[in-house]
Amino acid sequence: MSDFDAIDALLAASGPETELPPVAERRQLREALHLSQAQVARAIGVSPTTVGGWESGREPTGEVRDKYAYFLEAARERTAPGPEPEPEPAAEPAADVADAGPHASADSEAVALARPEPCVLCGQPATEQVEGFPQHLDPAACEAAAPATAPAPEPTRPAPAPQPATRAVRTVRAPGRGERIVPVGRRMQAASDVPDLIGDAVSAALARADGDVDAAAAALLKRAIPDAMALLDETRKGGRYDIVAHPWIPDILRKQSAKGADQVWEGRPKWARPELPEGAHEVIALDINGAYLSALKTHLPIGQLEHSTGFDHDRRRAGVHLVTPPAWHHDAVLPNPIGNRDEPGPLWVTEPTLRLLLRLSGPKYGLCDPPEIHESYTSGATEGLLEKFRVALKEARDRAIAEGDEVTLEYVKAMYSKFVSTMGESNYNRELYRPDWMHLIRSQAFTNLWMKAFKAYDEGLTVVRAMGTDELHVIGDWQSVFPEGRGVAEVKVKDRYTVGRDRAEQADPAEPSS
């Protein structure tokens, strides 16, 4: 390509973007053709979540925009009502002709057929053709060829009217509330119905790498993000709620600069016990397995966040909240639930952090005062939005551990960790833009770690350190409190070390005894 050709191509690509139908019409056009988002996505070369984003207001760019515009234009043409047919002019009555009967006019000429063809009037074999139509010239021939009239069928008893369909119900026993009847609505597919996308991807990677484990593992790690999105799409089939992948986001959830952060505080712990018990003690550093995987089970806002003010907290909604946190008077034995924060005053916290503060201020714990809520950005929420996705990853992780399959294990870890870290403002995941979800899932992991620290403290262990999402250091019989293993509900030993000194070691050996 010459320099001029390259310039021409550049100018052609920099023209005005292809026009798209209004957002409300895009979904209508697809559904009018009885096509799913997945079918359209495969044709264009994107994921179903991307198509859902386009139908919710996100605008495609570049080549995929042209493809999507082409699809929508073709769909509009196919679904547009055709022109109404013009009424046919009434045929003028033919003049009566003696001997010709109703079969042919006076000007019609009969042509002999080489072999009989069905008469257009009676359907029986005819040997002559008039104006291109095989027919009997004599009406009597049609009457003679017509089959005898079939007897009228006996009247049948009318079918009984269909009974109204009854909706299935199930009985649920609510604690302290007796039994209540709950309609069984649309159900999501069972876990066993989800295709084994993870196993298929690992098998394909090993086949492409000719069994080279390291090469297959490297290839799978590069595909972790798009593969996680494909698994999310698969597990969302039949879901009660549609995921809004690219909603409007308030400014507090947008980065203040290219390398800066937004205004949401996640409550990440970085705490060490200020004073240790006297004497020497063995400290066990526990590793909390699958911290982000477990945190996928949290209350996530489904749609676009809406602003509200006031002190009330609606547990049916989730989002981020501007609160004045309560004073914390237990730093000597437990980390602050909002993490290490030096600046006083209000701050934006996530749903898991707020729920933890409200829980700790309740009568069961009584560890602090309730936080003061000033304003919120929330949406209707559910704790099970990513549950099928989480279960599929957990089952693959458990299976890989049981079979000693390190390739699958590292692949699954990369899927859920990168899924969480790239759903905000990231160049690596364009299919999902939910910084609110990212903050909430991370905060849920921190909240889960705090609750484990409290459990250790409540069971008599000495909590020494709590760091990040998965590191808890304790002194004492930890195995009586936490099950040991590699499962998500288990912990494993990360390190052992000794703190303090024995009384004998603390005495100066050069100093004479009294």
Protein backbone atom coordinates (compact mmCIF):
# COMPACT_ATOMS: atom_id res chain seq x y z
CA MET A 1 0.00 0.00 0.00
CA SER A 2 1.40 3.42 -0.99
CA ASP A 3 1.44 6.40 1.34
CA PHE A 4 -1.49 7.92 -0.55
CA ASP A 5 -3.48 4.66 -0.26
CA ALA A 6 -2.82 4.63 3.47
CA ILE A 7 -4.02 8.23 3.76
CA ASP A 8 -7.16 7.41 1.76
CA ALA A 9 -7.86 4.46 4.05
CA LEU A 10 -7.31 6.64 7.11
CA LEU A 11 -9.71 9.30 5.82
CA ALA A 12 -12.30 6.69 4.95
CA ALA A 13 -12.12 5.24 8.48
CA SER A 14 -12.36 8.66 10.12
CA GLY A 15 -15.71 9.58 8.56
CA PRO A 16 -18.97 9.92 10.48
CA GLU A 17 -20.07 6.83 12.39
CA THR A 18 -22.84 4.68 11.01
CA GLU A 19 -26.25 5.68 12.33
CA LEU A 20 -28.00 3.20 14.61
CA PRO A 21 -31.70 2.94 15.47
CA PRO A 22 -32.81 4.28 18.87
CA VAL A 23 -31.95 2.08 21.85
CA ALA A 24 -35.58 1.05 22.44
CA GLU A 25 -35.90 -0.21 18.86
CA ARG A 26 -32.77 -2.37 18.83
CA ARG A 27 -34.14 -5.06 21.11
CA GLN A 28 -37.55 -4.95 19.38
CA LEU A 29 -35.93 -5.61 15.99
CA ARG A 30 -34.00 -8.59 17.32
CA GLU A 31 -36.97 -10.11 19.12
CA ALA A 32 -39.24 -9.57 16.11
CA LEU A 33 -37.01 -12.06 14.25
CA HIS A 34 -37.07 -14.47 17.23
CA LEU A 35 -33.30 -14.21 17.64
CA SER A 36 -31.43 -14.40 20.96
CA GLN A 37 -28.63 -12.10 22.02
CA ALA A 38 -26.24 -15.04 21.77
CA GLN A 39 -27.17 -15.67 18.12
CA VAL A 40 -26.60 -12.02 17.19
CA ALA A 41 -23.37 -11.97 19.19
CA ARG A 42 -21.97 -15.00 17.35
CA ALA A 43 -22.76 -13.45 13.98
CA ILE A 44 -21.05 -10.15 14.82
CA GLY A 45 -18.15 -11.68 16.75
CA VAL A 46 -18.81 -10.34 20.25
CA SER A 47 -20.25 -11.74 23.47
CA PRO A 48 -23.98 -11.81 24.33
CA THR A 49 -23.28 -9.39 27.18
CA THR A 50 -22.00 -6.85 24.66
CA VAL A 51 -25.19 -7.12 22.62
CA GLY A 52 -27.15 -6.64 25.84
CA GLY A 53 -25.14 -3.51 26.52
CA TRP A 54 -25.95 -2.13 23.07
CA GLU A 55 -29.63 -2.74 23.74
CA SER A 56 -29.32 -0.89 27.07
CA GLY A 57 -27.69 2.25 25.73
CA ARG A 58 -24.03 1.44 25.14
CA GLU A 59 -22.77 2.54 21.71
CA PRO A 60 -20.50 0.23 19.68
CA THR A 61 -17.58 1.67 17.77
CA GLY A 62 -15.41 0.76 14.82
CA GLU A 63 -16.01 -2.29 12.70
CA VAL A 64 -18.49 -3.93 15.09
CA ARG A 65 -20.66 -0.81 14.87
CA ASP A 66 -20.88 -1.22 11.11
CA LYS A 67 -21.78 -4.90 11.50
CA TYR A 68 -24.41 -4.15 14.12
CA ALA A 69 -25.90 -1.36 11.98
CA TYR A 70 -26.05 -3.73 9.01
CA PHE A 71 -27.89 -6.32 11.11
CA LEU A 72 -30.38 -3.79 12.46
CA GLU A 73 -31.09 -2.32 9.02
CA ALA A 74 -31.68 -5.78 7.57
CA ALA A 75 -33.89 -6.68 10.53
CA ARG A 76 -35.89 -3.50 10.03
CA GLU A 77 -36.45 -4.32 6.34
CA ARG A 78 -37.54 -7.86 7.11
CA THR A 79 -39.96 -6.84 9.85
CA ALA A 80 -41.41 -3.83 8.03
CA PRO A 81 -45.01 -4.42 6.84
CA GLY A 82 -45.20 -4.87 3.04
CA PRO A 83 -47.41 -2.77 0.73
CA GLU A 84 -51.09 -3.64 0.81
CA PRO A 85 -52.12 -5.62 -2.30
CA GLU A 86 -54.27 -3.71 -4.76
CA PRO A 87 -57.79 -5.10 -5.14
CA GLU A 88 -58.20 -7.10 -8.31
CA PRO A 89 -60.70 -5.67 -10.79
CA ALA A 90 -63.97 -7.56 -10.89
CA ALA A 91 -64.15 -9.91 -13.86
CA GLU A 92 -66.77 -9.06 -16.43
CA PRO A 93 -69.35 -11.79 -16.82
CA ALA A 94 -68.79 -13.87 -19.96
CA ALA A 95 -71.52 -14.07 -22.57
CA ASP A 96 -73.55 -17.22 -22.65
CA VAL A 97 -72.46 -19.49 -25.49
CA ALA A 98 -74.55 -22.40 -26.58
CA ASP A 99 -72.91 -25.81 -26.39
CA ALA A 100 -69.78 -24.34 -24.69
CA GLY A 101 -71.14 -24.34 -21.15
CA PRO A 102 -69.22 -22.67 -18.30
CA HIS A 103 -65.86 -24.18 -19.25
CA ALA A 104 -64.80 -22.05 -22.22
CA SER A 105 -65.69 -18.80 -23.90
CA ALA A 106 -66.61 -18.47 -27.55
CA ASP A 107 -63.11 -17.27 -28.44
CA SER A 108 -61.32 -20.11 -26.61
CA GLU A 109 -59.41 -22.63 -28.68
CA ALA A 110 -58.89 -26.14 -27.36
CA VAL A 111 -55.46 -27.76 -27.75
CA ALA A 112 -55.05 -31.52 -27.56
CA LEU A 113 -52.61 -32.72 -24.88
CA ALA A 114 -49.99 -35.37 -25.61
CA ARG A 115 -50.89 -37.03 -22.34
CA PRO A 116 -53.71 -36.45 -19.86
CA GLU A 117 -53.21 -33.83 -17.13
CA PRO A 118 -55.40 -33.00 -14.11
CA CYS A 119 -58.33 -30.80 -14.92
CA VAL A 120 -58.19 -27.44 -13.16
CA LEU A 121 -61.88 -27.76 -12.31
CA CYS A 122 -62.34 -31.31 -11.10
CA GLY A 123 -58.79 -32.61 -10.80
CA GLN A 124 -59.45 -35.68 -12.92
CA PRO A 125 -57.41 -36.49 -16.10
CA ALA A 126 -58.23 -34.22 -19.05
CA THR A 127 -56.96 -34.56 -22.62
CA GLU A 128 -57.43 -30.96 -23.78
CA GLN A 129 -56.10 -27.56 -22.74
CA VAL A 130 -57.79 -24.16 -23.02
CA GLU A 131 -55.73 -20.96 -22.65
CA GLY A 132 -52.94 -22.95 -21.00
CA PHE A 133 -55.19 -24.77 -18.49
CA PRO A 134 -56.01 -28.49 -18.78
CA GLN A 135 -59.77 -28.97 -18.46
CA HIS A 136 -62.76 -30.87 -19.65
CA LEU A 137 -64.60 -29.03 -22.42
CA ASP A 138 -67.89 -30.72 -21.54
CA PRO A 139 -69.30 -30.03 -18.07
CA ALA A 140 -70.79 -33.49 -18.07
CA ALA A 141 -67.29 -34.92 -18.26
CA CYS A 142 -66.37 -33.09 -15.00
CA GLU A 143 -69.54 -34.33 -13.31
CA ALA A 144 -68.89 -37.88 -14.47
CA ALA A 145 -65.26 -37.76 -13.31
CA ALA A 146 -66.02 -36.22 -9.89
CA PRO A 147 -65.98 -38.74 -7.01
CA ALA A 148 -69.19 -39.55 -5.20
CA THR A 149 -70.05 -37.17 -2.43
CA ALA A 150 -68.71 -38.43 0.87
CA PRO A 151 -71.27 -38.87 3.63
CA ALA A 152 -71.38 -36.06 6.17
CA PRO A 153 -69.36 -36.89 9.28
CA GLU A 154 -71.23 -37.63 12.45
CA PRO A 155 -71.32 -34.72 14.84
CA THR A 156 -68.66 -35.06 17.48
CA ARG A 157 -69.03 -34.16 21.12
CA PRO A 158 -67.41 -30.81 21.77
CA ALA A 159 -64.13 -31.01 23.65
CA PRO A 160 -64.29 -29.93 27.26
CA ALA A 161 -63.14 -26.38 27.90
CA PRO A 162 -59.52 -26.28 29.11
CA GLN A 163 -59.19 -25.83 32.83
CA PRO A 164 -57.15 -22.84 33.97
CA ALA A 165 -53.57 -23.84 34.60
CA THR A 166 -52.63 -23.99 38.25
CA ARG A 167 -49.29 -22.51 39.24
CA ALA A 168 -46.99 -24.77 41.18
CA VAL A 169 -46.31 -23.76 44.74
CA ARG A 170 -43.95 -24.87 47.44
CA THR A 171 -44.14 -24.53 51.19
CA VAL A 172 -41.35 -22.59 52.85
CA ARG A 173 -40.84 -22.55 56.58
CA ALA A 174 -39.55 -19.15 57.61
CA PRO A 175 -37.80 -19.01 61.00
CA GLY A 176 -40.22 -17.67 63.56
CA ARG A 177 -42.90 -17.00 60.96
CA GLY A 178 -44.50 -20.37 60.42
CA GLU A 179 -45.16 -21.62 56.90
CA ARG A 180 -45.85 -19.56 53.83
CA ILE A 181 -46.75 -20.53 50.29
CA VAL A 182 -44.37 -19.28 47.60
CA PRO A 183 -45.15 -19.58 43.87
CA VAL A 184 -42.54 -21.45 41.90
CA GLY A 185 -41.71 -19.15 39.00
CA ARG A 186 -39.18 -19.47 36.22
CA ARG A 187 -36.19 -21.43 37.37
CA MET A 188 -32.58 -21.07 36.33
CA GLN A 189 -30.86 -24.05 34.81
CA ALA A 190 -29.41 -26.51 37.29
CA ALA A 191 -25.67 -26.59 37.81
CA SER A 192 -25.53 -29.94 36.01
CA ASP A 193 -27.12 -28.33 32.93
CA VAL A 194 -24.29 -25.81 32.47
CA PRO A 195 -21.84 -26.99 29.80
CA ASP A 196 -18.35 -27.72 31.11
CA LEU A 197 -16.74 -24.72 29.44
CA ILE A 198 -13.77 -24.85 31.81
CA GLY A 199 -13.00 -28.52 31.17
CA ASP A 200 -13.46 -28.09 27.42
CA ALA A 201 -11.11 -25.07 27.37
CA VAL A 202 -8.40 -26.94 29.30
CA SER A 203 -8.67 -30.00 27.03
CA ALA A 204 -8.46 -27.84 23.90
CA ALA A 205 -5.46 -25.90 25.25
CA LEU A 206 -3.60 -29.12 26.07
CA ALA A 207 -4.38 -30.50 22.61
CA ARG A 208 -3.10 -27.35 20.89
CA ALA A 209 0.05 -27.45 23.02
CA ASP A 210 0.64 -31.17 22.25
CA GLY A 211 0.42 -31.96 25.96
CA ASP A 212 2.88 -29.26 27.04
CA VAL A 213 1.45 -28.33 30.45
CA ASP A 214 3.34 -25.06 30.81
CA ALA A 215 2.36 -23.85 27.32
CA ALA A 216 -1.27 -24.80 27.88
CA ALA A 217 -1.33 -23.03 31.24
CA ALA A 218 0.16 -19.86 29.74
CA ALA A 219 -2.42 -19.87 26.93
CA LEU A 220 -5.29 -20.37 29.37
CA LEU A 221 -4.18 -17.49 31.58
CA LYS A 222 -4.27 -15.16 28.57
CA ARG A 223 -7.86 -16.24 27.88
CA ALA A 224 -9.02 -16.00 31.49
CA ILE A 225 -11.04 -12.78 31.08
CA PRO A 226 -13.00 -13.58 27.89
CA ASP A 227 -13.52 -17.15 29.09
CA ALA A 228 -14.88 -15.88 32.40
CA MET A 229 -17.32 -13.64 30.53
CA ALA A 230 -18.42 -16.56 28.35
CA LEU A 231 -19.03 -18.64 31.49
CA LEU A 232 -21.00 -15.76 33.02
CA ASP A 233 -23.21 -15.58 29.92
CA GLU A 234 -23.81 -19.33 30.02
CA THR A 235 -24.69 -19.41 33.72
CA ARG A 236 -27.07 -16.45 33.35
CA LYS A 237 -29.35 -18.31 30.94
CA GLY A 238 -32.81 -18.53 32.45
CA GLY A 239 -31.89 -16.03 35.16
CA ARG A 240 -34.60 -13.97 36.78
CA TYR A 241 -32.77 -10.70 36.15
CA ASP A 242 -30.95 -9.28 33.14
CA ILE A 243 -27.51 -7.94 33.96
CA VAL A 244 -27.07 -4.28 33.05
CA ALA A 245 -23.49 -4.36 31.81
CA HIS A 246 -22.87 -0.66 31.13
CA PRO A 247 -25.16 1.53 33.23
CA TRP A 248 -24.78 5.20 34.04
CA ILE A 249 -22.20 5.60 36.82
CA PRO A 250 -22.07 8.53 39.28
CA ASP A 251 -18.90 10.62 39.44
CA ILE A 252 -17.90 9.19 42.82
CA LEU A 253 -17.28 5.87 41.04
CA ARG A 254 -15.11 7.41 38.33
CA LYS A 255 -11.35 7.81 38.65
CA GLN A 256 -10.33 11.35 39.52
CA SER A 257 -7.23 11.07 37.28
CA ALA A 258 -5.68 8.57 34.88
CA LYS A 259 -3.65 6.91 37.63
CA GLY A 260 -5.82 7.98 40.54
CA ALA A 261 -8.72 6.30 42.31
CA ASP A 262 -12.38 7.05 42.72
CA GLN A 263 -13.99 8.16 45.98
CA VAL A 264 -15.20 4.77 47.25
CA TRP A 265 -13.51 3.30 50.33
CA GLU A 266 -13.40 -0.51 50.32
CA GLY A 267 -12.43 -1.10 53.97
CA ARG A 268 -9.28 -3.10 53.19
CA PRO A 269 -7.71 -4.24 56.49
CA LYS A 270 -4.02 -3.71 57.25
CA TRP A 271 -3.94 -4.28 60.97
CA ALA A 272 -1.40 -5.62 63.45
CA ARG A 273 -2.01 -6.10 67.15
CA PRO A 274 -0.29 -3.22 68.99
CA GLU A 275 0.73 -5.30 72.01
CA LEU A 276 1.41 -9.03 72.22
CA PRO A 277 1.00 -11.24 75.28
CA GLU A 278 4.09 -11.71 77.42
CA GLY A 279 6.40 -14.59 76.63
CA ALA A 280 7.22 -16.47 73.43
CA HIS A 281 4.36 -17.57 71.23
CA GLU A 282 4.08 -19.45 67.95
CA VAL A 283 2.05 -17.50 65.43
CA ILE A 284 0.26 -19.33 62.62
CA ALA A 285 -0.31 -17.35 59.42
CA LEU A 286 -3.50 -18.73 57.91
CA ASP A 287 -4.35 -18.42 54.22
CA ILE A 288 -8.07 -17.97 53.51
CA ASN A 289 -8.84 -19.99 50.38
CA GLY A 290 -10.76 -18.54 47.45
CA ALA A 291 -11.43 -15.16 49.07
CA TYR A 292 -12.67 -13.45 45.91
CA LEU A 293 -14.54 -16.58 44.83
CA SER A 294 -16.51 -16.61 48.08
CA ALA A 295 -17.08 -12.85 47.81
CA LEU A 296 -19.02 -13.29 44.56
CA LYS A 297 -21.94 -14.15 46.83
CA THR A 298 -22.87 -10.62 47.91
CA HIS A 299 -25.74 -8.19 47.42
CA LEU A 300 -25.17 -6.61 44.02
CA PRO A 301 -27.24 -3.81 42.45
CA ILE A 302 -28.96 -5.09 39.32
CA GLY A 303 -29.62 -1.94 37.37
CA GLN A 304 -28.55 1.68 37.26
CA LEU A 305 -27.73 3.32 40.59
CA GLU A 306 -30.23 5.91 41.84
CA HIS A 307 -29.47 8.72 44.27
CA SER A 308 -31.25 9.07 47.61
CA THR A 309 -30.73 10.88 50.90
CA GLY A 310 -31.63 9.97 54.45
CA PHE A 311 -30.63 7.70 57.29
CA ASP A 312 -32.71 4.64 56.45
CA HIS A 313 -31.15 1.53 54.94
CA ASP A 314 -33.25 -0.59 52.58
CA ARG A 315 -31.95 -4.17 52.67
CA ARG A 316 -33.65 -4.87 49.32
CA ARG A 317 -31.24 -2.46 47.63
CA ALA A 318 -27.45 -2.25 47.39
CA GLY A 319 -24.82 0.24 46.30
CA VAL A 320 -22.51 2.80 47.88
CA HIS A 321 -23.26 5.10 50.81
CA LEU A 322 -21.84 8.29 52.27
CA VAL A 323 -21.63 7.63 56.00
CA THR A 324 -20.02 8.96 59.14
CA PRO A 325 -18.56 5.76 60.62
CA PRO A 326 -18.84 5.09 64.35
CA ALA A 327 -15.91 5.30 66.74
CA TRP A 328 -14.05 2.01 67.18
CA HIS A 329 -12.70 1.20 70.65
CA HIS A 330 -11.34 -2.32 70.09
CA ASP A 331 -8.13 -1.72 68.12
CA ALA A 332 -6.14 -3.55 70.78
CA VAL A 333 -7.75 -6.89 69.91
CA LEU A 334 -9.61 -6.53 66.59
CA PRO A 335 -9.17 -4.52 63.38
CA ASN A 336 -11.48 -1.61 62.59
CA PRO A 337 -14.29 -2.81 60.25
CA ILE A 338 -13.67 0.11 57.89
CA GLY A 339 -9.93 -0.63 57.66
CA ASN A 340 -7.04 1.71 58.31
CA ARG A 341 -8.23 5.27 57.79
CA ASP A 342 -6.47 8.30 59.22
CA GLU A 343 -8.85 11.02 58.02
CA PRO A 344 -11.93 11.63 60.15
CA GLY A 345 -15.36 12.54 58.85
CA PRO A 346 -17.78 11.08 56.31
CA LEU A 347 -16.65 8.74 53.54
CA TRP A 348 -18.21 6.65 50.77
CA VAL A 349 -18.41 2.98 51.75
CA THR A 350 -19.81 -0.06 49.99
CA GLU A 351 -22.84 -2.16 50.81
CA PRO A 352 -20.87 -4.97 52.54
CA THR A 353 -19.06 -2.47 54.78
CA LEU A 354 -22.30 -0.72 55.72
CA ARG A 355 -24.06 -4.00 56.47
CA LEU A 356 -21.10 -5.08 58.63
CA LEU A 357 -21.23 -1.83 60.63
CA LEU A 358 -25.00 -2.16 61.11
CA ARG A 359 -24.55 -5.77 62.19
CA LEU A 360 -21.82 -4.94 64.73
CA SER A 361 -23.95 -2.12 66.15
CA GLY A 362 -26.89 -4.47 66.75
CA PRO A 363 -27.79 -6.18 70.01
CA LYS A 364 -26.00 -9.44 69.14
CA TYR A 365 -22.55 -7.82 69.00
CA GLY A 366 -22.89 -4.35 70.49
CA LEU A 367 -19.37 -3.39 69.45
CA CYS A 368 -20.10 0.10 68.12
CA ASP A 369 -22.76 2.68 67.44
CA PRO A 370 -24.66 2.54 64.16
CA PRO A 371 -23.17 4.56 61.29
CA GLU A 372 -24.84 7.77 60.19
CA ILE A 373 -26.04 7.54 56.57
CA HIS A 374 -26.13 10.82 54.64
CA GLU A 375 -26.79 9.82 51.03
CA SER A 376 -26.67 6.74 48.83
CA TYR A 377 -26.49 5.50 45.25
CA THR A 378 -28.37 2.20 45.14
CA SER A 379 -30.44 -0.10 42.96
CA GLY A 380 -32.64 -3.11 43.56
CA ALA A 381 -30.31 -5.94 44.55
CA THR A 382 -29.99 -9.68 44.93
CA GLU A 383 -27.39 -11.84 46.63
CA GLY A 384 -27.66 -14.55 43.99
CA LEU A 385 -26.88 -12.54 40.86
CA LEU A 386 -23.53 -14.32 40.31
CA GLU A 387 -24.37 -17.47 42.27
CA LYS A 388 -24.46 -19.90 39.33
CA PHE A 389 -21.22 -18.36 38.04
CA ARG A 390 -19.62 -18.80 41.48
CA VAL A 391 -20.82 -22.39 41.86
CA ALA A 392 -19.46 -23.37 38.42
CA LEU A 393 -16.04 -21.94 39.31
CA LYS A 394 -16.08 -23.53 42.76
CA GLU A 395 -16.97 -26.96 41.41
CA ALA A 396 -14.19 -26.75 38.82
CA ARG A 397 -11.76 -25.63 41.53
CA ASP A 398 -12.75 -28.47 43.88
CA ARG A 399 -12.48 -31.00 41.08
CA ALA A 400 -9.04 -29.75 40.05
CA ILE A 401 -7.78 -29.99 43.66
CA ALA A 402 -9.15 -33.53 44.06
CA GLU A 403 -7.52 -34.65 40.79
CA GLY A 404 -4.25 -32.79 41.31
CA ASP A 405 -4.91 -30.78 38.15
CA GLU A 406 -2.78 -27.67 38.66
CA VAL A 407 -3.44 -26.38 35.13
CA THR A 408 -7.19 -26.14 35.71
CA LEU A 409 -6.69 -24.83 39.24
CA GLU A 410 -4.54 -21.89 38.14
CA TYR A 411 -6.85 -21.22 35.20
CA VAL A 412 -9.92 -21.05 37.48
CA LYS A 413 -8.11 -18.79 39.97
CA ALA A 414 -7.19 -16.42 37.13
CA MET A 415 -10.78 -16.42 35.89
CA TYR A 416 -12.40 -15.19 39.09
CA SER A 417 -9.58 -12.91 40.24
CA LYS A 418 -9.27 -11.16 36.87
CA PHE A 419 -13.04 -11.04 36.50
CA VAL A 420 -13.24 -8.99 39.70
CA SER A 421 -10.25 -6.77 38.98
CA THR A 422 -11.22 -5.85 35.40
CA MET A 423 -14.93 -5.06 35.69
CA GLY A 424 -14.10 -1.43 36.52
CA GLU A 425 -12.27 1.00 34.28
CA SER A 426 -10.10 -1.55 32.50
CA ASN A 427 -8.82 -1.93 28.95
CA TYR A 428 -8.84 -5.71 29.34
CA ASN A 429 -12.57 -6.21 29.79
CA ARG A 430 -14.85 -4.17 27.55
CA GLU A 431 -17.83 -6.49 28.07
CA LEU A 432 -18.67 -5.40 31.61
CA TYR A 433 -18.32 -1.96 33.17
CA ARG A 434 -19.48 -2.17 36.77
CA PRO A 435 -17.00 -0.42 39.10
CA ASP A 436 -19.71 -0.56 41.76
CA TRP A 437 -19.68 -4.37 41.57
CA MET A 438 -15.90 -4.44 41.71
CA HIS A 439 -15.85 -2.38 44.92
CA LEU A 440 -18.67 -4.41 46.49
CA ILE A 441 -17.07 -7.79 45.76
CA ARG A 442 -13.70 -6.66 47.09
CA SER A 443 -15.33 -5.22 50.20
CA GLN A 444 -17.22 -8.47 50.72
CA ALA A 445 -13.88 -10.30 50.74
CA PHE A 446 -12.57 -7.86 53.38
CA THR A 447 -15.78 -8.28 55.39
CA ASN A 448 -15.44 -12.08 55.24
CA LEU A 449 -11.87 -11.80 56.57
CA TRP A 450 -13.02 -9.51 59.40
CA MET A 451 -15.70 -12.01 60.42
CA LYS A 452 -13.08 -14.78 60.51
CA ALA A 453 -10.91 -12.59 62.73
CA PHE A 454 -13.86 -12.04 65.04
CA LYS A 455 -14.62 -15.77 65.09
CA ALA A 456 -11.02 -16.48 66.10
CA TYR A 457 -11.20 -13.84 68.83
CA ASP A 458 -14.58 -15.10 70.04
CA GLU A 459 -13.26 -18.68 70.25
CA GLY A 460 -10.33 -17.63 72.46
CA LEU A 461 -7.55 -17.24 69.90
CA THR A 462 -5.26 -14.22 69.95
CA VAL A 463 -5.57 -12.34 66.68
CA VAL A 464 -2.14 -10.96 65.75
CA ARG A 465 -2.60 -9.65 62.22
CA ALA A 466 -5.24 -9.27 59.46
CA MET A 467 -4.09 -8.29 55.99
CA GLY A 468 -5.79 -7.88 52.61
CA THR A 469 -8.40 -10.46 51.68
CA ASP A 470 -6.86 -13.73 52.78
CA GLU A 471 -4.24 -13.39 55.51
CA LEU A 472 -5.04 -13.97 59.18
CA HIS A 473 -2.35 -14.51 61.87
CA VAL A 474 -3.39 -16.08 65.17
CA ILE A 475 -1.96 -17.57 68.37
CA GLY A 476 -3.64 -20.64 69.83
CA ASP A 477 -5.38 -23.86 68.82
CA TRP A 478 -6.63 -22.63 65.45
CA GLN A 479 -7.56 -26.14 64.24
CA SER A 480 -10.38 -26.25 66.78
CA VAL A 481 -11.85 -23.15 65.13
CA PHE A 482 -11.12 -23.46 61.39
CA PRO A 483 -11.10 -26.66 59.27
CA GLU A 484 -7.79 -27.21 57.50
CA GLY A 485 -7.65 -27.91 53.77
CA ARG A 486 -7.66 -26.34 50.32
CA GLY A 487 -11.42 -26.02 49.94
CA VAL A 488 -13.20 -22.68 49.84
CA ALA A 489 -14.66 -23.23 53.33
CA GLU A 490 -11.25 -24.27 54.71
CA VAL A 491 -7.93 -22.57 55.54
CA LYS A 492 -4.34 -23.64 55.09
CA VAL A 493 -1.12 -22.74 56.88
CA LYS A 494 0.89 -20.12 55.05
CA ASP A 495 3.67 -19.59 57.58
CA ARG A 496 4.75 -20.20 61.18
CA TYR A 497 6.93 -17.90 63.27
CA THR A 498 7.66 -17.08 66.89
CA VAL A 499 7.10 -13.74 68.63
CA GLY A 500 8.29 -12.59 72.09
CA ARG A 501 10.85 -14.24 74.34
CA ASP A 502 10.74 -16.60 77.29
CA ARG A 503 11.25 -15.09 80.73
CA ALA A 504 14.60 -16.88 81.04
CA GLU A 505 15.80 -15.38 77.77
CA GLN A 506 14.70 -11.91 78.86
CA ALA A 507 17.03 -11.98 81.92
CA ASP A 508 20.60 -10.74 81.37
CA PRO A 509 22.92 -13.76 81.92
CA ALA A 510 25.85 -11.47 82.82
CA GLU A 511 23.92 -9.91 85.69
CA PRO A 512 24.41 -11.75 89.05
CA SER A 513 21.35 -13.30 90.55
CA SER A 514 20.04 -11.91 93.80
